[in-house]
Amino acid sequence: MFVALSIAPTDEIPVIASAMTPAWLLVVVAASLVASYAIVFVADFTSQEQRHAHRGIFQRPITETVVCYLLALVSALVLLWLFQRGLDPWNDVLTRVIILGFPAAIGGAAGRLAV
């Protein structure tokens, strides 16, 4: 949230979003998921044995990554709404949420390591 909070009120999000095509948006979504997964599970910053010792649907690496990315998208939407950064047509909102969701996912992955 803190990483996206510093970016949300700036003009970079609308500028980058205006240049994005649907294919590039899919690339950003994939990059967000891969980067988040890599930070938490591949980099091996924390003891993975303790993480895998817990059982549950949200304790699997892929499920945890997707759920955390969805939470990053929700937080990006809330930040865009708070700073009134263009919530007019739904396709512009979706594009801006996906763009701001990338740094939110990176920050969320780093935050999961801290917890």
PDB file of N, CA and C in Angstrom:
ATOM      1  N   MET A   1       0.820  -1.183   0.000  1.00  0.00           N
ATOM      2  CA  MET A   1       0.000   0.000   0.000  1.00  0.00           C
ATOM      3  C   MET A   1       0.873   1.259   0.000  1.00  0.00           C
ATOM      4  N   PHE A   2       1.984   1.208   0.763  1.00  0.00           N
ATOM      5  CA  PHE A   2       2.820   2.398   0.855  1.00  0.00           C
ATOM      6  C   PHE A   2       3.532   2.713  -0.452  1.00  0.00           C
ATOM      7  N   VAL A   3       3.917   1.706  -1.199  1.00  0.00           N
ATOM      8  CA  VAL A   3       4.572   1.937  -2.485  1.00  0.00           C
ATOM      9  C   VAL A   3       3.584   2.561  -3.458  1.00  0.00           C
ATOM     10  N   ALA A   4       2.387   2.021  -3.533  1.00  0.00           N
ATOM     11  CA  ALA A   4       1.371   2.566  -4.439  1.00  0.00           C
ATOM     12  C   ALA A   4       0.873   3.923  -3.970  1.00  0.00           C
ATOM     13  N   LEU A   5       0.881   4.155  -2.659  1.00  0.00           N
ATOM     14  CA  LEU A   5       0.420   5.436  -2.116  1.00  0.00           C
ATOM     15  C   LEU A   5       1.292   6.594  -2.592  1.00  0.00           C
ATOM     16  N   SER A   6       2.567   6.349  -2.754  1.00  0.00           N
ATOM     17  CA  SER A   6       3.444   7.423  -3.223  1.00  0.00           C
ATOM     18  C   SER A   6       3.316   7.679  -4.721  1.00  0.00           C
ATOM     19  N   ILE A   7       2.742   6.740  -5.455  1.00  0.00           N
ATOM     20  CA  ILE A   7       2.620   6.874  -6.909  1.00  0.00           C
ATOM     21  C   ILE A   7       1.225   7.334  -7.327  1.00  0.00           C
ATOM     22  N   ALA A   8       0.205   6.989  -6.565  1.00  0.00           N
ATOM     23  CA  ALA A   8      -1.187   7.231  -6.967  1.00  0.00           C
ATOM     24  C   ALA A   8      -1.525   8.693  -7.267  1.00  0.00           C
ATOM     25  N   PRO A   9      -1.063   9.672  -6.488  1.00  0.00           N
ATOM     26  CA  PRO A   9      -1.475  11.047  -6.791  1.00  0.00           C
ATOM     27  C   PRO A   9      -0.711  11.700  -7.936  1.00  0.00           C
ATOM     28  N   THR A  10       0.248  11.033  -8.520  1.00  0.00           N
ATOM     29  CA  THR A  10       1.057  11.632  -9.585  1.00  0.00           C
ATOM     30  C   THR A  10       0.380  11.460 -10.940  1.00  0.00           C
ATOM     31  N   ASP A  11       0.931  12.124 -11.943  1.00  0.00           N
ATOM     32  CA  ASP A  11       0.369  12.061 -13.295  1.00  0.00           C
ATOM     33  C   ASP A  11       0.912  10.905 -14.120  1.00  0.00           C
ATOM     34  N   GLU A  12       1.821  10.121 -13.563  1.00  0.00           N
ATOM     35  CA  GLU A  12       2.405   9.028 -14.327  1.00  0.00           C
ATOM     36  C   GLU A  12       1.396   7.928 -14.641  1.00  0.00           C
ATOM     37  N   ILE A  13       0.505   7.656 -13.713  1.00  0.00           N
ATOM     38  CA  ILE A  13      -0.462   6.572 -13.930  1.00  0.00           C
ATOM     39  C   ILE A  13      -1.371   6.873 -15.123  1.00  0.00           C
ATOM     40  N   PRO A  14      -2.017   8.048 -15.204  1.00  0.00           N
ATOM     41  CA  PRO A  14      -2.838   8.311 -16.400  1.00  0.00           C
ATOM     42  C   PRO A  14      -2.032   8.354 -17.694  1.00  0.00           C
ATOM     43  N   VAL A  15      -0.791   8.854 -17.633  1.00  0.00           N
ATOM     44  CA  VAL A  15       0.038   8.931 -18.839  1.00  0.00           C
ATOM     45  C   VAL A  15       0.410   7.530 -19.320  1.00  0.00           C
ATOM     46  N   ILE A  16       0.840   6.677 -18.397  1.00  0.00           N
ATOM     47  CA  ILE A  16       1.203   5.310 -18.786  1.00  0.00           C
ATOM     48  C   ILE A  16      -0.041   4.551 -19.244  1.00  0.00           C
ATOM     49  N   ALA A  17      -1.147   4.738 -18.546  1.00  0.00           N
ATOM     50  CA  ALA A  17      -2.377   4.022 -18.907  1.00  0.00           C
ATOM     51  C   ALA A  17      -2.886   4.416 -20.283  1.00  0.00           C
ATOM     52  N   SER A  18      -2.693   5.666 -20.664  1.00  0.00           N
ATOM     53  CA  SER A  18      -3.177   6.098 -21.980  1.00  0.00           C
ATOM     54  C   SER A  18      -2.384   5.469 -23.121  1.00  0.00           C
ATOM     55  N   ALA A  19      -1.176   5.034 -22.839  1.00  0.00           N
ATOM     56  CA  ALA A  19      -0.344   4.435 -23.880  1.00  0.00           C
ATOM     57  C   ALA A  19      -0.462   2.909 -23.936  1.00  0.00           C
ATOM     58  N   MET A  20      -1.235   2.314 -23.046  1.00  0.00           N
ATOM     59  CA  MET A  20      -1.321   0.863 -22.958  1.00  0.00           C
ATOM     60  C   MET A  20      -2.368   0.286 -23.904  1.00  0.00           C
ATOM     61  N   THR A  21      -1.996  -0.794 -24.563  1.00  0.00           N
ATOM     62  CA  THR A  21      -2.942  -1.561 -25.358  1.00  0.00           C
ATOM     63  C   THR A  21      -3.382  -2.760 -24.509  1.00  0.00           C
ATOM     64  N   PRO A  22      -4.458  -3.438 -24.882  1.00  0.00           N
ATOM     65  CA  PRO A  22      -4.876  -4.616 -24.105  1.00  0.00           C
ATOM     66  C   PRO A  22      -3.799  -5.695 -23.995  1.00  0.00           C
ATOM     67  N   ALA A  23      -3.008  -5.872 -25.019  1.00  0.00           N
ATOM     68  CA  ALA A  23      -1.936  -6.870 -24.956  1.00  0.00           C
ATOM     69  C   ALA A  23      -0.895  -6.487 -23.906  1.00  0.00           C
ATOM     70  N   TRP A  24      -0.550  -5.215 -23.846  1.00  0.00           N
ATOM     71  CA  TRP A  24       0.411  -4.765 -22.840  1.00  0.00           C
ATOM     72  C   TRP A  24      -0.165  -4.841 -21.435  1.00  0.00           C
ATOM     73  N   LEU A  25      -1.463  -4.659 -21.301  1.00  0.00           N
ATOM     74  CA  LEU A  25      -2.086  -4.804 -19.984  1.00  0.00           C
ATOM     75  C   LEU A  25      -1.962  -6.244 -19.483  1.00  0.00           C
ATOM     76  N   LEU A  26      -2.125  -7.192 -20.378  1.00  0.00           N
ATOM     77  CA  LEU A  26      -1.935  -8.601 -20.000  1.00  0.00           C
ATOM     78  C   LEU A  26      -0.488  -8.871 -19.602  1.00  0.00           C
ATOM     79  N   VAL A  27       0.440  -8.219 -20.265  1.00  0.00           N
ATOM     80  CA  VAL A  27       1.848  -8.365 -19.907  1.00  0.00           C
ATOM     81  C   VAL A  27       2.099  -7.789 -18.511  1.00  0.00           C
ATOM     82  N   VAL A  28       1.475  -6.649 -18.197  1.00  0.00           N
ATOM     83  CA  VAL A  28       1.632  -6.036 -16.875  1.00  0.00           C
ATOM     84  C   VAL A  28       1.035  -6.945 -15.799  1.00  0.00           C
ATOM     85  N   VAL A  29      -0.122  -7.535 -16.069  1.00  0.00           N
ATOM     86  CA  VAL A  29      -0.738  -8.460 -15.103  1.00  0.00           C
ATOM     87  C   VAL A  29       0.187  -9.659 -14.881  1.00  0.00           C
ATOM     88  N   ALA A  30       0.696 -10.231 -15.951  1.00  0.00           N
ATOM     89  CA  ALA A  30       1.598 -11.383 -15.826  1.00  0.00           C
ATOM     90  C   ALA A  30       2.879 -10.996 -15.095  1.00  0.00           C
ATOM     91  N   ALA A  31       3.426  -9.834 -15.407  1.00  0.00           N
ATOM     92  CA  ALA A  31       4.647  -9.380 -14.731  1.00  0.00           C
ATOM     93  C   ALA A  31       4.402  -9.142 -13.249  1.00  0.00           C
ATOM     94  N   SER A  32       3.231  -8.628 -12.905  1.00  0.00           N
ATOM     95  CA  SER A  32       2.893  -8.407 -11.501  1.00  0.00           C
ATOM     96  C   SER A  32       2.825  -9.726 -10.745  1.00  0.00           C
ATOM     97  N   LEU A  33       2.174 -10.702 -11.345  1.00  0.00           N
ATOM     98  CA  LEU A  33       2.055 -12.013 -10.693  1.00  0.00           C
ATOM     99  C   LEU A  33       3.408 -12.710 -10.573  1.00  0.00           C
ATOM    100  N   VAL A  34       4.199 -12.669 -11.626  1.00  0.00           N
ATOM    101  CA  VAL A  34       5.503 -13.325 -11.605  1.00  0.00           C
ATOM    102  C   VAL A  34       6.442 -12.636 -10.618  1.00  0.00           C
ATOM    103  N   ALA A  35       6.458 -11.312 -10.610  1.00  0.00           N
ATOM    104  CA  ALA A  35       7.336 -10.586  -9.691  1.00  0.00           C
ATOM    105  C   ALA A  35       6.932 -10.832  -8.243  1.00  0.00           C
ATOM    106  N   SER A  36       5.640 -10.815  -7.976  1.00  0.00           N
ATOM    107  CA  SER A  36       5.163 -11.061  -6.617  1.00  0.00           C
ATOM    108  C   SER A  36       5.509 -12.480  -6.170  1.00  0.00           C
ATOM    109  N   TYR A  37       5.306 -13.444  -7.026  1.00  0.00           N
ATOM    110  CA  TYR A  37       5.645 -14.836  -6.716  1.00  0.00           C
ATOM    111  C   TYR A  37       7.147 -14.975  -6.479  1.00  0.00           C
ATOM    112  N   ALA A  38       7.941 -14.358  -7.328  1.00  0.00           N
ATOM    113  CA  ALA A  38       9.387 -14.481  -7.219  1.00  0.00           C
ATOM    114  C   ALA A  38       9.910 -13.841  -5.938  1.00  0.00           C
ATOM    115  N   ILE A  39       9.371 -12.703  -5.565  1.00  0.00           N
ATOM    116  CA  ILE A  39       9.831 -12.031  -4.352  1.00  0.00           C
ATOM    117  C   ILE A  39       9.550 -12.879  -3.124  1.00  0.00           C
ATOM    118  N   VAL A  40       8.378 -13.467  -3.060  1.00  0.00           N
ATOM    119  CA  VAL A  40       7.992 -14.183  -1.848  1.00  0.00           C
ATOM    120  C   VAL A  40       8.507 -15.617  -1.829  1.00  0.00           C
ATOM    121  N   PHE A  41       8.417 -16.323  -2.937  1.00  0.00           N
ATOM    122  CA  PHE A  41       8.676 -17.759  -2.907  1.00  0.00           C
ATOM    123  C   PHE A  41       9.982 -18.193  -3.554  1.00  0.00           C
ATOM    124  N   VAL A  42      10.487 -17.470  -4.527  1.00  0.00           N
ATOM    125  CA  VAL A  42      11.692 -17.903  -5.221  1.00  0.00           C
ATOM    126  C   VAL A  42      12.946 -17.304  -4.588  1.00  0.00           C
ATOM    127  N   ALA A  43      12.857 -16.071  -4.115  1.00  0.00           N
ATOM    128  CA  ALA A  43      14.036 -15.392  -3.576  1.00  0.00           C
ATOM    129  C   ALA A  43      14.537 -16.024  -2.286  1.00  0.00           C
ATOM    130  N   ASP A  44      13.671 -16.759  -1.587  1.00  0.00           N
ATOM    131  CA  ASP A  44      14.039 -17.487  -0.374  1.00  0.00           C
ATOM    132  C   ASP A  44      14.613 -16.566   0.703  1.00  0.00           C
ATOM    133  N   PHE A  45      13.936 -15.416   0.907  1.00  0.00           N
ATOM    134  CA  PHE A  45      14.345 -14.498   1.957  1.00  0.00           C
ATOM    135  C   PHE A  45      13.950 -15.010   3.338  1.00  0.00           C
ATOM    136  N   THR A  46      12.868 -15.750   3.414  1.00  0.00           N
ATOM    137  CA  THR A  46      12.397 -16.261   4.702  1.00  0.00           C
ATOM    138  C   THR A  46      12.482 -17.775   4.693  1.00  0.00           C
ATOM    139  N   SER A  47      12.293 -18.344   5.832  1.00  0.00           N
ATOM    140  CA  SER A  47      12.328 -19.800   5.912  1.00  0.00           C
ATOM    141  C   SER A  47      11.046 -20.375   5.318  1.00  0.00           C
ATOM    142  N   GLN A  48      11.161 -21.000   4.184  1.00  0.00           N
ATOM    143  CA  GLN A  48      10.006 -21.531   3.474  1.00  0.00           C
ATOM    144  C   GLN A  48       9.408 -22.748   4.170  1.00  0.00           C
ATOM    145  N   GLU A  49      10.191 -23.417   5.007  1.00  0.00           N
ATOM    146  CA  GLU A  49       9.671 -24.593   5.685  1.00  0.00           C
ATOM    147  C   GLU A  49       8.515 -24.225   6.607  1.00  0.00           C
ATOM    148  N   GLN A  50       8.633 -23.097   7.294  1.00  0.00           N
ATOM    149  CA  GLN A  50       7.557 -22.659   8.179  1.00  0.00           C
ATOM    150  C   GLN A  50       6.322 -22.277   7.384  1.00  0.00           C
ATOM    151  N   ARG A  51       6.508 -21.671   6.235  1.00  0.00           N
ATOM    152  CA  ARG A  51       5.368 -21.276   5.398  1.00  0.00           C
ATOM    153  C   ARG A  51       4.636 -22.502   4.871  1.00  0.00           C
ATOM    154  N   HIS A  52       5.392 -23.526   4.488  1.00  0.00           N
ATOM    155  CA  HIS A  52       4.764 -24.723   3.926  1.00  0.00           C
ATOM    156  C   HIS A  52       4.211 -25.652   5.002  1.00  0.00           C
ATOM    157  N   ALA A  53       4.571 -25.422   6.247  1.00  0.00           N
ATOM    158  CA  ALA A  53       4.062 -26.263   7.330  1.00  0.00           C
ATOM    159  C   ALA A  53       2.578 -26.005   7.590  1.00  0.00           C
ATOM    160  N   HIS A  54       2.115 -24.820   7.315  1.00  0.00           N
ATOM    161  CA  HIS A  54       0.702 -24.500   7.494  1.00  0.00           C
ATOM    162  C   HIS A  54      -0.094 -25.035   6.311  1.00  0.00           C
ATOM    163  N   ARG A  55      -1.233 -25.593   6.600  1.00  0.00           N
ATOM    164  CA  ARG A  55      -2.086 -26.135   5.554  1.00  0.00           C
ATOM    165  C   ARG A  55      -3.316 -25.264   5.399  1.00  0.00           C
ATOM    166  N   GLY A  56      -3.818 -25.198   4.202  1.00  0.00           N
ATOM    167  CA  GLY A  56      -5.019 -24.437   3.912  1.00  0.00           C
ATOM    168  C   GLY A  56      -5.011 -24.004   2.469  1.00  0.00           C
ATOM    169  N   ILE A  57      -6.162 -23.553   2.010  1.00  0.00           N
ATOM    170  CA  ILE A  57      -6.282 -23.177   0.599  1.00  0.00           C
ATOM    171  C   ILE A  57      -5.454 -21.939   0.262  1.00  0.00           C
ATOM    172  N   PHE A  58      -5.305 -21.023   1.225  1.00  0.00           N
ATOM    173  CA  PHE A  58      -4.555 -19.804   0.957  1.00  0.00           C
ATOM    174  C   PHE A  58      -3.075 -19.954   1.284  1.00  0.00           C
ATOM    175  N   GLN A  59      -2.639 -21.129   1.661  1.00  0.00           N
ATOM    176  CA  GLN A  59      -1.240 -21.355   1.991  1.00  0.00           C
ATOM    177  C   GLN A  59      -0.446 -21.935   0.822  1.00  0.00           C
ATOM    178  N   ARG A  60      -1.085 -22.155  -0.286  1.00  0.00           N
ATOM    179  CA  ARG A  60      -0.379 -22.625  -1.481  1.00  0.00           C
ATOM    180  C   ARG A  60       0.230 -21.412  -2.190  1.00  0.00           C
ATOM    181  N   PRO A  61       1.406 -21.536  -2.749  1.00  0.00           N
ATOM    182  CA  PRO A  61       2.071 -20.381  -3.346  1.00  0.00           C
ATOM    183  C   PRO A  61       1.265 -19.683  -4.445  1.00  0.00           C
ATOM    184  N   ILE A  62       0.678 -20.437  -5.347  1.00  0.00           N
ATOM    185  CA  ILE A  62      -0.059 -19.814  -6.451  1.00  0.00           C
ATOM    186  C   ILE A  62      -1.317 -19.129  -5.930  1.00  0.00           C
ATOM    187  N   THR A  63      -2.041 -19.793  -5.055  1.00  0.00           N
ATOM    188  CA  THR A  63      -3.264 -19.209  -4.503  1.00  0.00           C
ATOM    189  C   THR A  63      -2.957 -17.952  -3.703  1.00  0.00           C
ATOM    190  N   GLU A  64      -1.912 -18.010  -2.889  1.00  0.00           N
ATOM    191  CA  GLU A  64      -1.542 -16.846  -2.093  1.00  0.00           C
ATOM    192  C   GLU A  64      -1.134 -15.677  -2.982  1.00  0.00           C
ATOM    193  N   THR A  65      -0.415 -15.968  -4.056  1.00  0.00           N
ATOM    194  CA  THR A  65       0.021 -14.910  -4.972  1.00  0.00           C
ATOM    195  C   THR A  65      -1.173 -14.260  -5.666  1.00  0.00           C
ATOM    196  N   VAL A  66      -2.115 -15.060  -6.137  1.00  0.00           N
ATOM    197  CA  VAL A  66      -3.285 -14.511  -6.833  1.00  0.00           C
ATOM    198  C   VAL A  66      -4.164 -13.698  -5.885  1.00  0.00           C
ATOM    199  N   VAL A  67      -4.389 -14.208  -4.681  1.00  0.00           N
ATOM    200  CA  VAL A  67      -5.216 -13.480  -3.709  1.00  0.00           C
ATOM    201  C   VAL A  67      -4.555 -12.160  -3.330  1.00  0.00           C
ATOM    202  N   CYS A  68      -3.267 -12.185  -3.119  1.00  0.00           N
ATOM    203  CA  CYS A  68      -2.565 -10.947  -2.771  1.00  0.00           C
ATOM    204  C   CYS A  68      -2.555  -9.961  -3.943  1.00  0.00           C
ATOM    205  N   TYR A  69      -2.494 -10.460  -5.170  1.00  0.00           N
ATOM    206  CA  TYR A  69      -2.572  -9.563  -6.322  1.00  0.00           C
ATOM    207  C   TYR A  69      -3.964  -8.938  -6.424  1.00  0.00           C
ATOM    208  N   LEU A  70      -4.988  -9.711  -6.162  1.00  0.00           N
ATOM    209  CA  LEU A  70      -6.346  -9.147  -6.173  1.00  0.00           C
ATOM    210  C   LEU A  70      -6.504  -8.086  -5.087  1.00  0.00           C
ATOM    211  N   LEU A  71      -5.915  -8.313  -3.929  1.00  0.00           N
ATOM    212  CA  LEU A  71      -5.940  -7.293  -2.880  1.00  0.00           C
ATOM    213  C   LEU A  71      -5.153  -6.044  -3.291  1.00  0.00           C
ATOM    214  N   ALA A  72      -4.071  -6.230  -4.021  1.00  0.00           N
ATOM    215  CA  ALA A  72      -3.309  -5.093  -4.530  1.00  0.00           C
ATOM    216  C   ALA A  72      -4.141  -4.289  -5.528  1.00  0.00           C
ATOM    217  N   LEU A  73      -4.924  -4.977  -6.359  1.00  0.00           N
ATOM    218  CA  LEU A  73      -5.800  -4.275  -7.309  1.00  0.00           C
ATOM    219  C   LEU A  73      -6.895  -3.509  -6.582  1.00  0.00           C
ATOM    220  N   VAL A  74      -7.448  -4.091  -5.538  1.00  0.00           N
ATOM    221  CA  VAL A  74      -8.480  -3.390  -4.753  1.00  0.00           C
ATOM    222  C   VAL A  74      -7.880  -2.160  -4.078  1.00  0.00           C
ATOM    223  N   SER A  75      -6.685  -2.303  -3.519  1.00  0.00           N
ATOM    224  CA  SER A  75      -6.060  -1.142  -2.887  1.00  0.00           C
ATOM    225  C   SER A  75      -5.710  -0.073  -3.914  1.00  0.00           C
ATOM    226  N   ALA A  76      -5.328  -0.473  -5.130  1.00  0.00           N
ATOM    227  CA  ALA A  76      -5.062   0.500  -6.193  1.00  0.00           C
ATOM    228  C   ALA A  76      -6.339   1.242  -6.576  1.00  0.00           C
ATOM    229  N   LEU A  77      -7.451   0.541  -6.646  1.00  0.00           N
ATOM    230  CA  LEU A  77      -8.726   1.185  -6.947  1.00  0.00           C
ATOM    231  C   LEU A  77      -9.105   2.180  -5.864  1.00  0.00           C
ATOM    232  N   VAL A  78      -8.921   1.801  -4.615  1.00  0.00           N
ATOM    233  CA  VAL A  78      -9.244   2.705  -3.505  1.00  0.00           C
ATOM    234  C   VAL A  78      -8.349   3.940  -3.545  1.00  0.00           C
ATOM    235  N   LEU A  79      -7.062   3.755  -3.816  1.00  0.00           N
ATOM    236  CA  LEU A  79      -6.160   4.900  -3.887  1.00  0.00           C
ATOM    237  C   LEU A  79      -6.515   5.833  -5.031  1.00  0.00           C
ATOM    238  N   LEU A  80      -6.855   5.274  -6.181  1.00  0.00           N
ATOM    239  CA  LEU A  80      -7.267   6.119  -7.306  1.00  0.00           C
ATOM    240  C   LEU A  80      -8.547   6.872  -6.973  1.00  0.00           C
ATOM    241  N   TRP A  81      -9.458   6.229  -6.266  1.00  0.00           N
ATOM    242  CA  TRP A  81     -10.692   6.892  -5.873  1.00  0.00           C
ATOM    243  C   TRP A  81     -10.412   8.003  -4.861  1.00  0.00           C
ATOM    244  N   LEU A  82      -9.536   7.753  -3.900  1.00  0.00           N
ATOM    245  CA  LEU A  82      -9.215   8.755  -2.888  1.00  0.00           C
ATOM    246  C   LEU A  82      -8.567  10.000  -3.494  1.00  0.00           C
ATOM    247  N   PHE A  83      -7.696   9.787  -4.472  1.00  0.00           N
ATOM    248  CA  PHE A  83      -7.005  10.909  -5.095  1.00  0.00           C
ATOM    249  C   PHE A  83      -7.724  11.427  -6.332  1.00  0.00           C
ATOM    250  N   GLN A  84      -8.902  10.913  -6.620  1.00  0.00           N
ATOM    251  CA  GLN A  84      -9.739  11.346  -7.740  1.00  0.00           C
ATOM    252  C   GLN A  84      -8.945  11.373  -9.043  1.00  0.00           C
ATOM    253  N   ARG A  85      -8.342  10.235  -9.369  1.00  0.00           N
ATOM    254  CA  ARG A  85      -7.497  10.133 -10.553  1.00  0.00           C
ATOM    255  C   ARG A  85      -8.230   9.485 -11.717  1.00  0.00           C
ATOM    256  N   GLY A  86      -9.345  10.018 -12.096  1.00  0.00           N
ATOM    257  CA  GLY A  86     -10.026   9.574 -13.294  1.00  0.00           C
ATOM    258  C   GLY A  86     -10.803   8.296 -13.134  1.00  0.00           C
ATOM    259  N   LEU A  87     -11.995   8.395 -12.628  1.00  0.00           N
ATOM    260  CA  LEU A  87     -12.852   7.223 -12.472  1.00  0.00           C
ATOM    261  C   LEU A  87     -14.066   7.339 -13.385  1.00  0.00           C
ATOM    262  N   ASP A  88     -13.852   7.796 -14.611  1.00  0.00           N
ATOM    263  CA  ASP A  88     -14.964   8.030 -15.528  1.00  0.00           C
ATOM    264  C   ASP A  88     -15.388   6.763 -16.265  1.00  0.00           C
ATOM    265  N   PRO A  89     -14.843   6.458 -17.431  1.00  0.00           N
ATOM    266  CA  PRO A  89     -15.253   5.216 -18.094  1.00  0.00           C
ATOM    267  C   PRO A  89     -14.561   4.010 -17.455  1.00  0.00           C
ATOM    268  N   TRP A  90     -15.244   2.882 -17.473  1.00  0.00           N
ATOM    269  CA  TRP A  90     -14.740   1.700 -16.780  1.00  0.00           C
ATOM    270  C   TRP A  90     -13.440   1.182 -17.376  1.00  0.00           C
ATOM    271  N   ASN A  91     -13.245   1.330 -18.695  1.00  0.00           N
ATOM    272  CA  ASN A  91     -12.011   0.815 -19.293  1.00  0.00           C
ATOM    273  C   ASN A  91     -10.793   1.638 -18.872  1.00  0.00           C
ATOM    274  N   ASP A  92     -10.965   2.954 -18.669  1.00  0.00           N
ATOM    275  CA  ASP A  92      -9.866   3.765 -18.145  1.00  0.00           C
ATOM    276  C   ASP A  92      -9.571   3.399 -16.697  1.00  0.00           C
ATOM    277  N   VAL A  93     -10.617   3.156 -15.940  1.00  0.00           N
ATOM    278  CA  VAL A  93     -10.430   2.754 -14.535  1.00  0.00           C
ATOM    279  C   VAL A  93      -9.686   1.432 -14.467  1.00  0.00           C
ATOM    280  N   LEU A  94     -10.088   0.474 -15.267  1.00  0.00           N
ATOM    281  CA  LEU A  94      -9.435  -0.833 -15.276  1.00  0.00           C
ATOM    282  C   LEU A  94      -7.969  -0.713 -15.665  1.00  0.00           C
ATOM    283  N   THR A  95      -7.683   0.088 -16.677  1.00  0.00           N
ATOM    284  CA  THR A  95      -6.304   0.268 -17.117  1.00  0.00           C
ATOM    285  C   THR A  95      -5.464   0.898 -16.023  1.00  0.00           C
ATOM    286  N   ARG A  96      -5.982   1.925 -15.375  1.00  0.00           N
ATOM    287  CA  ARG A  96      -5.224   2.604 -14.317  1.00  0.00           C
ATOM    288  C   ARG A  96      -5.049   1.712 -13.093  1.00  0.00           C
ATOM    289  N   VAL A  97      -6.058   0.928 -12.790  1.00  0.00           N
ATOM    290  CA  VAL A  97      -5.947   0.010 -11.653  1.00  0.00           C
ATOM    291  C   VAL A  97      -4.879  -1.046 -11.927  1.00  0.00           C
ATOM    292  N   ILE A  98      -4.828  -1.564 -13.126  1.00  0.00           N
ATOM    293  CA  ILE A  98      -3.821  -2.574 -13.465  1.00  0.00           C
ATOM    294  C   ILE A  98      -2.417  -1.965 -13.421  1.00  0.00           C
ATOM    295  N   ILE A  99      -2.277  -0.741 -13.922  1.00  0.00           N
ATOM    296  CA  ILE A  99      -0.967  -0.087 -13.912  1.00  0.00           C
ATOM    297  C   ILE A  99      -0.523   0.194 -12.482  1.00  0.00           C
ATOM    298  N   LEU A 100      -1.407   0.725 -11.651  1.00  0.00           N
ATOM    299  CA  LEU A 100      -1.054   1.002 -10.257  1.00  0.00           C
ATOM    300  C   LEU A 100      -0.974  -0.291  -9.445  1.00  0.00           C
ATOM    301  N   GLY A 101      -1.610  -1.339  -9.917  1.00  0.00           N
ATOM    302  CA  GLY A 101      -1.544  -2.628  -9.235  1.00  0.00           C
ATOM    303  C   GLY A 101      -0.164  -3.250  -9.276  1.00  0.00           C
ATOM    304  N   PHE A 102       0.643  -2.905 -10.270  1.00  0.00           N
ATOM    305  CA  PHE A 102       2.001  -3.455 -10.348  1.00  0.00           C
ATOM    306  C   PHE A 102       2.853  -3.025  -9.147  1.00  0.00           C
ATOM    307  N   PRO A 103       3.001  -1.710  -8.875  1.00  0.00           N
ATOM    308  CA  PRO A 103       3.785  -1.357  -7.681  1.00  0.00           C
ATOM    309  C   PRO A 103       3.103  -1.776  -6.383  1.00  0.00           C
ATOM    310  N   ALA A 104       1.781  -1.826  -6.377  1.00  0.00           N
ATOM    311  CA  ALA A 104       1.066  -2.294  -5.176  1.00  0.00           C
ATOM    312  C   ALA A 104       1.376  -3.763  -4.916  1.00  0.00           C
ATOM    313  N   ALA A 105       1.461  -4.566  -5.960  1.00  0.00           N
ATOM    314  CA  ALA A 105       1.789  -5.984  -5.801  1.00  0.00           C
ATOM    315  C   ALA A 105       3.227  -6.172  -5.347  1.00  0.00           C
ATOM    316  N   ILE A 106       4.138  -5.367  -5.870  1.00  0.00           N
ATOM    317  CA  ILE A 106       5.539  -5.456  -5.453  1.00  0.00           C
ATOM    318  C   ILE A 106       5.666  -5.081  -3.978  1.00  0.00           C
ATOM    319  N   GLY A 107       5.011  -3.993  -3.590  1.00  0.00           N
ATOM    320  CA  GLY A 107       5.038  -3.583  -2.189  1.00  0.00           C
ATOM    321  C   GLY A 107       4.355  -4.599  -1.281  1.00  0.00           C
ATOM    322  N   GLY A 108       3.266  -5.199  -1.771  1.00  0.00           N
ATOM    323  CA  GLY A 108       2.584  -6.222  -1.000  1.00  0.00           C
ATOM    324  C   GLY A 108       3.434  -7.461  -0.802  1.00  0.00           C
ATOM    325  N   ALA A 109       4.179  -7.819  -1.818  1.00  0.00           N
ATOM    326  CA  ALA A 109       5.074  -8.982  -1.692  1.00  0.00           C
ATOM    327  C   ALA A 109       6.176  -8.698  -0.679  1.00  0.00           C
ATOM    328  N   ALA A 110       6.717  -7.496  -0.733  1.00  0.00           N
ATOM    329  CA  ALA A 110       7.744  -7.132   0.247  1.00  0.00           C
ATOM    330  C   ALA A 110       7.158  -7.085   1.657  1.00  0.00           C
ATOM    331  N   GLY A 111       5.930  -6.625   1.766  1.00  0.00           N
ATOM    332  CA  GLY A 111       5.270  -6.592   3.064  1.00  0.00           C
ATOM    333  C   GLY A 111       4.988  -7.984   3.611  1.00  0.00           C
ATOM    334  N   ARG A 112       4.668  -8.912   2.730  1.00  0.00           N
ATOM    335  CA  ARG A 112       4.448 -10.289   3.190  1.00  0.00           C
ATOM    336  C   ARG A 112       5.719 -10.892   3.738  1.00  0.00           C
ATOM    337  N   LEU A 113       6.857 -10.497   3.219  1.00  0.00           N
ATOM    338  CA  LEU A 113       8.116 -10.991   3.753  1.00  0.00           C
ATOM    339  C   LEU A 113       8.375 -10.442   5.154  1.00  0.00           C
ATOM    340  N   ALA A 114       7.939  -9.210   5.369  1.00  0.00           N
ATOM    341  CA  ALA A 114       8.153  -8.585   6.682  1.00  0.00           C
ATOM    342  C   ALA A 114       7.275  -9.216   7.757  1.00  0.00           C
ATOM    343  N   VAL A 115       6.136  -9.739   7.340  1.00  0.00           N
ATOM    344  CA  VAL A 115       5.213 -10.345   8.313  1.00  0.00           C
ATOM    345  C   VAL A 115       5.569 -11.758   8.483  1.00  0.00           C
TER     346      VAL A 115
END
